Every structure is written in C-alpha cells, then in structure tokens.
Amino acid sequence: MARLTGFLVMLVVASSLGVVASQHQARKLYTAVEREQQRSQQLEIEWGQLQLEQSTWAAHARIEKLAREKLAMRPPLSGQIIAIEERP
C-alpha cells in the first residue's frame, strides 16, 4: 500500500510540475505574441509614413520643378509639337 501511495504522490508531483511548466511556456508565448503585435502596429505606422513620403516625392509639381531647375527642361513651343494620328 505504501508503494502505491508513493507512486501516486510521484505522479501528482510530476503532473503538477508539468502544469507549471506548460503555464510558464504559455505566458512566454503570450508575451511574444504581444511584442510581435506591437511591432506589427509600429510597422503599419511606418508604412503609412513611407507612403506619404513617396507621394510627396512623386508629386507632379515637384517633378516639374526639378525638371525645370536641374535639367533645364521646358514645355515645347506650339510650333514644335507634332500630332500623329493612328489610322484604323
């Protein structure tokens, strides 16, 4: 009888340790998930800022200004424009 009781006590202790270990692992994983969700939110904010910056850099008025100032480009005069029509 003492052997059976000792064996059952060992099973209960082992089971308890398993529960504690699994709870600890679950808490670590939950913390990791929370950290990754925060990182995801930060990346979404950064993505929005980058899209805004890209639209600013690609704005038509800015491109035209740079073409005039840095490349000395200008619109063609009316006599320099040739219209080509497509035949059906």
PDB file of N, CA and C in Angstrom:
ATOM      1  N   MET A   1       0.823  -1.195   0.000  1.00  0.00           N
ATOM      2  CA  MET A   1       0.000   0.000   0.000  1.00  0.00           C
ATOM      3  C   MET A   1       0.867   1.259   0.000  1.00  0.00           C
ATOM      4  N   ALA A   2       1.965   1.221   0.740  1.00  0.00           N
ATOM      5  CA  ALA A   2       2.856   2.375   0.829  1.00  0.00           C
ATOM      6  C   ALA A   2       3.490   2.648  -0.534  1.00  0.00           C
ATOM      7  N   ARG A   3       3.796   1.576  -1.256  1.00  0.00           N
ATOM      8  CA  ARG A   3       4.367   1.747  -2.589  1.00  0.00           C
ATOM      9  C   ARG A   3       3.388   2.435  -3.519  1.00  0.00           C
ATOM     10  N   LEU A   4       2.149   2.011  -3.465  1.00  0.00           N
ATOM     11  CA  LEU A   4       1.111   2.608  -4.316  1.00  0.00           C
ATOM     12  C   LEU A   4       0.927   4.075  -3.971  1.00  0.00           C
ATOM     13  N   THR A   5       0.911   4.388  -2.685  1.00  0.00           N
ATOM     14  CA  THR A   5       0.761   5.779  -2.256  1.00  0.00           C
ATOM     15  C   THR A   5       1.958   6.603  -2.716  1.00  0.00           C
ATOM     16  N   GLY A   6       3.147   6.072  -2.557  1.00  0.00           N
ATOM     17  CA  GLY A   6       4.355   6.766  -3.008  1.00  0.00           C
ATOM     18  C   GLY A   6       4.339   6.984  -4.518  1.00  0.00           C
ATOM     19  N   PHE A   7       3.907   5.971  -5.249  1.00  0.00           N
ATOM     20  CA  PHE A   7       3.824   6.088  -6.702  1.00  0.00           C
ATOM     21  C   PHE A   7       2.807   7.156  -7.107  1.00  0.00           C
ATOM     22  N   LEU A   8       1.653   7.172  -6.454  1.00  0.00           N
ATOM     23  CA  LEU A   8       0.623   8.175  -6.762  1.00  0.00           C
ATOM     24  C   LEU A   8       1.100   9.578  -6.407  1.00  0.00           C
ATOM     25  N   VAL A   9       1.820   9.715  -5.304  1.00  0.00           N
ATOM     26  CA  VAL A   9       2.374  11.028  -4.929  1.00  0.00           C
ATOM     27  C   VAL A   9       3.360  11.492  -6.002  1.00  0.00           C
ATOM     28  N   MET A  10       4.193  10.596  -6.485  1.00  0.00           N
ATOM     29  CA  MET A  10       5.144  10.956  -7.539  1.00  0.00           C
ATOM     30  C   MET A  10       4.416  11.369  -8.816  1.00  0.00           C
ATOM     31  N   LEU A  11       3.322  10.666  -9.145  1.00  0.00           N
ATOM     32  CA  LEU A  11       2.535  11.042 -10.320  1.00  0.00           C
ATOM     33  C   LEU A  11       1.906  12.415 -10.163  1.00  0.00           C
ATOM     34  N   VAL A  12       1.399  12.705  -8.976  1.00  0.00           N
ATOM     35  CA  VAL A  12       0.796  14.021  -8.717  1.00  0.00           C
ATOM     36  C   VAL A  12       1.850  15.110  -8.798  1.00  0.00           C
ATOM     37  N   VAL A  13       3.023  14.882  -8.238  1.00  0.00           N
ATOM     38  CA  VAL A  13       4.109  15.864  -8.292  1.00  0.00           C
ATOM     39  C   VAL A  13       4.542  16.079  -9.741  1.00  0.00           C
ATOM     40  N   ALA A  14       4.704  15.002 -10.488  1.00  0.00           N
ATOM     41  CA  ALA A  14       5.104  15.116 -11.893  1.00  0.00           C
ATOM     42  C   ALA A  14       4.041  15.852 -12.701  1.00  0.00           C
ATOM     43  N   SER A  15       2.809  15.545 -12.437  1.00  0.00           N
ATOM     44  CA  SER A  15       1.715  16.230 -13.130  1.00  0.00           C
ATOM     45  C   SER A  15       1.701  17.714 -12.781  1.00  0.00           C
ATOM     46  N   SER A  16       1.915  18.025 -11.522  1.00  0.00           N
ATOM     47  CA  SER A  16       1.942  19.428 -11.080  1.00  0.00           C
ATOM     48  C   SER A  16       3.081  20.181 -11.750  1.00  0.00           C
ATOM     49  N   LEU A  17       4.235  19.559 -11.818  1.00  0.00           N
ATOM     50  CA  LEU A  17       5.374  20.195 -12.493  1.00  0.00           C
ATOM     51  C   LEU A  17       5.079  20.404 -13.976  1.00  0.00           C
ATOM     52  N   GLY A  18       4.397  19.460 -14.585  1.00  0.00           N
ATOM     53  CA  GLY A  18       4.011  19.618 -15.986  1.00  0.00           C
ATOM     54  C   GLY A  18       3.058  20.779 -16.188  1.00  0.00           C
ATOM     55  N   VAL A  19       2.119  20.941 -15.270  1.00  0.00           N
ATOM     56  CA  VAL A  19       1.175  22.059 -15.356  1.00  0.00           C
ATOM     57  C   VAL A  19       1.907  23.384 -15.208  1.00  0.00           C
ATOM     58  N   VAL A  20       2.814  23.457 -14.233  1.00  0.00           N
ATOM     59  CA  VAL A  20       3.581  24.687 -14.012  1.00  0.00           C
ATOM     60  C   VAL A  20       4.425  25.010 -15.244  1.00  0.00           C
ATOM     61  N   ALA A  21       5.077  23.996 -15.805  1.00  0.00           N
ATOM     62  CA  ALA A  21       5.916  24.224 -16.984  1.00  0.00           C
ATOM     63  C   ALA A  21       5.088  24.682 -18.176  1.00  0.00           C
ATOM     64  N   SER A  22       3.924  24.075 -18.369  1.00  0.00           N
ATOM     65  CA  SER A  22       3.087  24.474 -19.508  1.00  0.00           C
ATOM     66  C   SER A  22       2.516  25.879 -19.320  1.00  0.00           C
ATOM     67  N   GLN A  23       2.167  26.251 -18.087  1.00  0.00           N
ATOM     68  CA  GLN A  23       1.688  27.612 -17.838  1.00  0.00           C
ATOM     69  C   GLN A  23       2.797  28.629 -18.085  1.00  0.00           C
ATOM     70  N   HIS A  24       4.011  28.291 -17.659  1.00  0.00           N
ATOM     71  CA  HIS A  24       5.142  29.181 -17.896  1.00  0.00           C
ATOM     72  C   HIS A  24       5.375  29.362 -19.399  1.00  0.00           C
ATOM     73  N   GLN A  25       5.339  28.276 -20.135  1.00  0.00           N
ATOM     74  CA  GLN A  25       5.518  28.340 -21.593  1.00  0.00           C
ATOM     75  C   GLN A  25       4.407  29.160 -22.238  1.00  0.00           C
ATOM     76  N   ALA A  26       3.180  28.978 -21.782  1.00  0.00           N
ATOM     77  CA  ALA A  26       2.050  29.738 -22.331  1.00  0.00           C
ATOM     78  C   ALA A  26       2.228  31.229 -22.078  1.00  0.00           C
ATOM     79  N   ARG A  27       2.707  31.591 -20.899  1.00  0.00           N
ATOM     80  CA  ARG A  27       2.933  33.014 -20.589  1.00  0.00           C
ATOM     81  C   ARG A  27       4.038  33.587 -21.451  1.00  0.00           C
ATOM     82  N   LYS A  28       5.108  32.821 -21.667  1.00  0.00           N
ATOM     83  CA  LYS A  28       6.190  33.291 -22.533  1.00  0.00           C
ATOM     84  C   LYS A  28       5.687  33.506 -23.961  1.00  0.00           C
ATOM     85  N   LEU A  29       4.886  32.577 -24.450  1.00  0.00           N
ATOM     86  CA  LEU A  29       4.354  32.703 -25.807  1.00  0.00           C
ATOM     87  C   LEU A  29       3.396  33.886 -25.923  1.00  0.00           C
ATOM     88  N   TYR A  30       2.592  34.104 -24.893  1.00  0.00           N
ATOM     89  CA  TYR A  30       1.658  35.231 -24.906  1.00  0.00           C
ATOM     90  C   TYR A  30       2.432  36.550 -24.944  1.00  0.00           C
ATOM     91  N   THR A  31       3.507  36.623 -24.154  1.00  0.00           N
ATOM     92  CA  THR A  31       4.344  37.827 -24.155  1.00  0.00           C
ATOM     93  C   THR A  31       4.953  38.045 -25.538  1.00  0.00           C
ATOM     94  N   ALA A  32       5.402  36.966 -26.163  1.00  0.00           N
ATOM     95  CA  ALA A  32       5.982  37.081 -27.509  1.00  0.00           C
ATOM     96  C   ALA A  32       4.941  37.555 -28.518  1.00  0.00           C
ATOM     97  N   VAL A  33       3.728  37.048 -28.405  1.00  0.00           N
ATOM     98  CA  VAL A  33       2.650  37.474 -29.313  1.00  0.00           C
ATOM     99  C   VAL A  33       2.356  38.966 -29.121  1.00  0.00           C
ATOM    100  N   GLU A  34       2.279  39.396 -27.879  1.00  0.00           N
ATOM    101  CA  GLU A  34       2.025  40.820 -27.607  1.00  0.00           C
ATOM    102  C   GLU A  34       3.138  41.687 -28.197  1.00  0.00           C
ATOM    103  N   ARG A  35       4.373  41.260 -28.025  1.00  0.00           N
ATOM    104  CA  ARG A  35       5.512  42.022 -28.545  1.00  0.00           C
ATOM    105  C   ARG A  35       5.439  42.103 -30.075  1.00  0.00           C
ATOM    106  N   GLU A  36       5.097  41.003 -30.721  1.00  0.00           N
ATOM    107  CA  GLU A  36       5.006  40.994 -32.189  1.00  0.00           C
ATOM    108  C   GLU A  36       3.829  41.824 -32.693  1.00  0.00           C
ATOM    109  N   GLN A  37       2.746  41.860 -31.945  1.00  0.00           N
ATOM    110  CA  GLN A  37       1.617  42.700 -32.332  1.00  0.00           C
ATOM    111  C   GLN A  37       1.994  44.178 -32.237  1.00  0.00           C
ATOM    112  N   GLN A  38       2.743  44.551 -31.220  1.00  0.00           N
ATOM    113  CA  GLN A  38       3.209  45.929 -31.108  1.00  0.00           C
ATOM    114  C   GLN A  38       4.137  46.273 -32.263  1.00  0.00           C
ATOM    115  N   ARG A  39       5.017  45.345 -32.597  1.00  0.00           N
ATOM    116  CA  ARG A  39       5.927  45.565 -33.720  1.00  0.00           C
ATOM    117  C   ARG A  39       5.157  45.709 -35.027  1.00  0.00           C
ATOM    118  N   SER A  40       4.109  44.911 -35.183  1.00  0.00           N
ATOM    119  CA  SER A  40       3.272  44.994 -36.375  1.00  0.00           C
ATOM    120  C   SER A  40       2.607  46.366 -36.476  1.00  0.00           C
ATOM    121  N   GLN A  41       2.120  46.861 -35.348  1.00  0.00           N
ATOM    122  CA  GLN A  41       1.498  48.191 -35.347  1.00  0.00           C
ATOM    123  C   GLN A  41       2.518  49.268 -35.698  1.00  0.00           C
ATOM    124  N   GLN A  42       3.744  49.142 -35.166  1.00  0.00           N
ATOM    125  CA  GLN A  42       4.789  50.112 -35.495  1.00  0.00           C
ATOM    126  C   GLN A  42       5.122  50.067 -36.983  1.00  0.00           C
ATOM    127  N   LEU A  43       5.172  48.871 -37.543  1.00  0.00           N
ATOM    128  CA  LEU A  43       5.472  48.747 -38.971  1.00  0.00           C
ATOM    129  C   LEU A  43       4.348  49.311 -39.832  1.00  0.00           C
ATOM    130  N   GLU A  44       3.104  49.151 -39.405  1.00  0.00           N
ATOM    131  CA  GLU A  44       1.985  49.734 -40.153  1.00  0.00           C
ATOM    132  C   GLU A  44       2.065  51.252 -40.143  1.00  0.00           C
ATOM    133  N   ILE A  45       2.432  51.838 -39.005  1.00  0.00           N
ATOM    134  CA  ILE A  45       2.587  53.292 -38.917  1.00  0.00           C
ATOM    135  C   ILE A  45       3.718  53.740 -39.834  1.00  0.00           C
ATOM    136  N   GLU A  46       4.834  53.030 -39.784  1.00  0.00           N
ATOM    137  CA  GLU A  46       5.970  53.375 -40.636  1.00  0.00           C
ATOM    138  C   GLU A  46       5.608  53.243 -42.115  1.00  0.00           C
ATOM    139  N   TRP A  47       4.842  52.206 -42.458  1.00  0.00           N
ATOM    140  CA  TRP A  47       4.405  52.014 -43.844  1.00  0.00           C
ATOM    141  C   TRP A  47       3.561  53.203 -44.306  1.00  0.00           C
ATOM    142  N   GLY A  48       2.650  53.655 -43.473  1.00  0.00           N
ATOM    143  CA  GLY A  48       1.835  54.811 -43.827  1.00  0.00           C
ATOM    144  C   GLY A  48       2.681  56.056 -44.030  1.00  0.00           C
ATOM    145  N   GLN A  49       3.668  56.243 -43.162  1.00  0.00           N
ATOM    146  CA  GLN A  49       4.548  57.402 -43.300  1.00  0.00           C
ATOM    147  C   GLN A  49       5.369  57.316 -44.578  1.00  0.00           C
ATOM    148  N   LEU A  50       5.831  56.127 -44.910  1.00  0.00           N
ATOM    149  CA  LEU A  50       6.603  55.958 -46.137  1.00  0.00           C
ATOM    150  C   LEU A  50       5.747  56.183 -47.384  1.00  0.00           C
ATOM    151  N   GLN A  51       4.496  55.753 -47.349  1.00  0.00           N
ATOM    152  CA  GLN A  51       3.610  56.003 -48.481  1.00  0.00           C
ATOM    153  C   GLN A  51       3.374  57.503 -48.659  1.00  0.00           C
ATOM    154  N   LEU A  52       3.198  58.200 -47.547  1.00  0.00           N
ATOM    155  CA  LEU A  52       3.003  59.645 -47.611  1.00  0.00           C
ATOM    156  C   LEU A  52       4.256  60.321 -48.168  1.00  0.00           C
ATOM    157  N   GLU A  53       5.408  59.899 -47.698  1.00  0.00           N
ATOM    158  CA  GLU A  53       6.665  60.463 -48.190  1.00  0.00           C
ATOM    159  C   GLU A  53       6.845  60.183 -49.679  1.00  0.00           C
ATOM    160  N   GLN A  54       6.514  58.971 -50.097  1.00  0.00           N
ATOM    161  CA  GLN A  54       6.646  58.618 -51.511  1.00  0.00           C
ATOM    162  C   GLN A  54       5.721  59.465 -52.373  1.00  0.00           C
ATOM    163  N   SER A  55       4.506  59.690 -51.905  1.00  0.00           N
ATOM    164  CA  SER A  55       3.587  60.514 -52.697  1.00  0.00           C
ATOM    165  C   SER A  55       4.059  61.958 -52.762  1.00  0.00           C
ATOM    166  N   THR A  56       4.727  62.408 -51.702  1.00  0.00           N
ATOM    167  CA  THR A  56       5.278  63.769 -51.714  1.00  0.00           C
ATOM    168  C   THR A  56       6.417  63.870 -52.719  1.00  0.00           C
ATOM    169  N   TRP A  57       7.324  62.884 -52.708  1.00  0.00           N
ATOM    170  CA  TRP A  57       8.455  62.910 -53.624  1.00  0.00           C
ATOM    171  C   TRP A  57       8.016  62.747 -55.075  1.00  0.00           C
ATOM    172  N   ALA A  58       6.914  62.072 -55.311  1.00  0.00           N
ATOM    173  CA  ALA A  58       6.473  61.814 -56.678  1.00  0.00           C
ATOM    174  C   ALA A  58       5.421  62.811 -57.161  1.00  0.00           C
ATOM    175  N   ALA A  59       5.155  63.850 -56.396  1.00  0.00           N
ATOM    176  CA  ALA A  59       4.133  64.829 -56.780  1.00  0.00           C
ATOM    177  C   ALA A  59       4.511  65.486 -58.119  1.00  0.00           C
ATOM    178  N   HIS A  60       3.517  65.667 -58.959  1.00  0.00           N
ATOM    179  CA  HIS A  60       3.741  66.206 -60.307  1.00  0.00           C
ATOM    180  C   HIS A  60       4.422  67.574 -60.253  1.00  0.00           C
ATOM    181  N   ALA A  61       3.974  68.442 -59.363  1.00  0.00           N
ATOM    182  CA  ALA A  61       4.542  69.789 -59.298  1.00  0.00           C
ATOM    183  C   ALA A  61       6.020  69.726 -58.910  1.00  0.00           C
ATOM    184  N   ARG A  62       6.379  68.838 -58.020  1.00  0.00           N
ATOM    185  CA  ARG A  62       7.776  68.717 -57.600  1.00  0.00           C
ATOM    186  C   ARG A  62       8.633  68.201 -58.751  1.00  0.00           C
ATOM    187  N   ILE A  63       8.135  67.219 -59.468  1.00  0.00           N
ATOM    188  CA  ILE A  63       8.879  66.667 -60.611  1.00  0.00           C
ATOM    189  C   ILE A  63       9.087  67.743 -61.676  1.00  0.00           C
ATOM    190  N   GLU A  64       8.024  68.489 -61.934  1.00  0.00           N
ATOM    191  CA  GLU A  64       8.124  69.549 -62.944  1.00  0.00           C
ATOM    192  C   GLU A  64       9.123  70.619 -62.519  1.00  0.00           C
ATOM    193  N   LYS A  65       9.104  70.986 -61.245  1.00  0.00           N
ATOM    194  CA  LYS A  65      10.030  71.996 -60.734  1.00  0.00           C
ATOM    195  C   LYS A  65      11.472  71.513 -60.867  1.00  0.00           C
ATOM    196  N   LEU A  66      11.730  70.257 -60.496  1.00  0.00           N
ATOM    197  CA  LEU A  66      13.080  69.721 -60.626  1.00  0.00           C
ATOM    198  C   LEU A  66      13.515  69.639 -62.086  1.00  0.00           C
ATOM    199  N   ALA A  67      12.603  69.289 -62.973  1.00  0.00           N
ATOM    200  CA  ALA A  67      12.933  69.219 -64.402  1.00  0.00           C
ATOM    201  C   ALA A  67      13.317  70.592 -64.932  1.00  0.00           C
ATOM    202  N   ARG A  68      12.608  71.617 -64.498  1.00  0.00           N
ATOM    203  CA  ARG A  68      12.929  72.976 -64.949  1.00  0.00           C
ATOM    204  C   ARG A  68      14.251  73.466 -64.363  1.00  0.00           C
ATOM    205  N   GLU A  69      14.434  73.268 -63.063  1.00  0.00           N
ATOM    206  CA  GLU A  69      15.604  73.834 -62.390  1.00  0.00           C
ATOM    207  C   GLU A  69      16.877  73.035 -62.644  1.00  0.00           C
ATOM    208  N   LYS A  70      16.843  71.738 -62.456  1.00  0.00           N
ATOM    209  CA  LYS A  70      18.073  70.944 -62.527  1.00  0.00           C
ATOM    210  C   LYS A  70      18.397  70.464 -63.933  1.00  0.00           C
ATOM    211  N   LEU A  71      17.379  70.198 -64.723  1.00  0.00           N
ATOM    212  CA  LEU A  71      17.617  69.664 -66.068  1.00  0.00           C
ATOM    213  C   LEU A  71      17.381  70.695 -67.162  1.00  0.00           C
ATOM    214  N   ALA A  72      16.966  71.887 -66.774  1.00  0.00           N
ATOM    215  CA  ALA A  72      16.693  72.979 -67.721  1.00  0.00           C
ATOM    216  C   ALA A  72      15.695  72.547 -68.787  1.00  0.00           C
ATOM    217  N   MET A  73      14.725  71.776 -68.398  1.00  0.00           N
ATOM    218  CA  MET A  73      13.688  71.343 -69.334  1.00  0.00           C
ATOM    219  C   MET A  73      12.576  72.385 -69.360  1.00  0.00           C
ATOM    220  N   ARG A  74      11.870  72.442 -70.468  1.00  0.00           N
ATOM    221  CA  ARG A  74      10.740  73.360 -70.591  1.00  0.00           C
ATOM    222  C   ARG A  74       9.712  72.722 -71.512  1.00  0.00           C
ATOM    223  N   PRO A  75       8.468  73.164 -71.434  1.00  0.00           N
ATOM    224  CA  PRO A  75       7.456  72.615 -72.345  1.00  0.00           C
ATOM    225  C   PRO A  75       7.781  73.030 -73.781  1.00  0.00           C
ATOM    226  N   PRO A  76       7.450  72.204 -74.765  1.00  0.00           N
ATOM    227  CA  PRO A  76       7.726  72.571 -76.163  1.00  0.00           C
ATOM    228  C   PRO A  76       6.820  73.725 -76.610  1.00  0.00           C
ATOM    229  N   LEU A  77       7.327  74.506 -77.520  1.00  0.00           N
ATOM    230  CA  LEU A  77       6.525  75.587 -78.090  1.00  0.00           C
ATOM    231  C   LEU A  77       5.488  74.970 -79.022  1.00  0.00           C
ATOM    232  N   SER A  78       4.449  75.736 -79.331  1.00  0.00           N
ATOM    233  CA  SER A  78       3.358  75.187 -80.143  1.00  0.00           C
ATOM    234  C   SER A  78       3.842  74.752 -81.526  1.00  0.00           C
ATOM    235  N   GLY A  79       4.846  75.393 -82.075  1.00  0.00           N
ATOM    236  CA  GLY A  79       5.376  75.025 -83.388  1.00  0.00           C
ATOM    237  C   GLY A  79       6.225  73.761 -83.341  1.00  0.00           C
ATOM    238  N   GLN A  80       6.621  73.345 -82.151  1.00  0.00           N
ATOM    239  CA  GLN A  80       7.471  72.165 -82.012  1.00  0.00           C
ATOM    240  C   GLN A  80       6.669  70.883 -81.772  1.00  0.00           C
ATOM    241  N   ILE A  81       5.383  71.006 -81.631  1.00  0.00           N
ATOM    242  CA  ILE A  81       4.533  69.851 -81.339  1.00  0.00           C
ATOM    243  C   ILE A  81       4.037  69.251 -82.647  1.00  0.00           C
ATOM    244  N   ILE A  82       4.200  67.954 -82.797  1.00  0.00           N
ATOM    245  CA  ILE A  82       3.715  67.242 -83.975  1.00  0.00           C
ATOM    246  C   ILE A  82       2.714  66.214 -83.497  1.00  0.00           C
ATOM    247  N   ALA A  83       1.511  66.270 -84.035  1.00  0.00           N
ATOM    248  CA  ALA A  83       0.471  65.314 -83.666  1.00  0.00           C
ATOM    249  C   ALA A  83       0.439  64.192 -84.707  1.00  0.00           C
ATOM    250  N   ILE A  84       0.473  62.979 -84.227  1.00  0.00           N
ATOM    251  CA  ILE A  84       0.422  61.824 -85.120  1.00  0.00           C
ATOM    252  C   ILE A  84      -0.883  61.095 -84.823  1.00  0.00           C
ATOM    253  N   GLU A  85      -1.652  60.899 -85.887  1.00  0.00           N
ATOM    254  CA  GLU A  85      -2.936  60.214 -85.730  1.00  0.00           C
ATOM    255  C   GLU A  85      -2.773  58.759 -86.137  1.00  0.00           C
ATOM    256  N   GLU A  86      -3.443  57.915 -85.420  1.00  0.00           N
ATOM    257  CA  GLU A  86      -3.399  56.498 -85.726  1.00  0.00           C
ATOM    258  C   GLU A  86      -4.457  56.192 -86.771  1.00  0.00           C
ATOM    259  N   ARG A  87      -4.088  55.416 -87.773  1.00  0.00           N
ATOM    260  CA  ARG A  87      -5.065  55.029 -88.797  1.00  0.00           C
ATOM    261  C   ARG A  87      -5.723  53.729 -88.381  1.00  0.00           C
ATOM    262  N   PRO A  88      -7.014  53.619 -88.651  1.00  0.00           N
ATOM    263  CA  PRO A  88      -7.727  52.379 -88.268  1.00  0.00           C
ATOM    264  C   PRO A  88      -7.370  51.193 -89.116  1.00  0.00           C
TER     265      PRO A  88
END
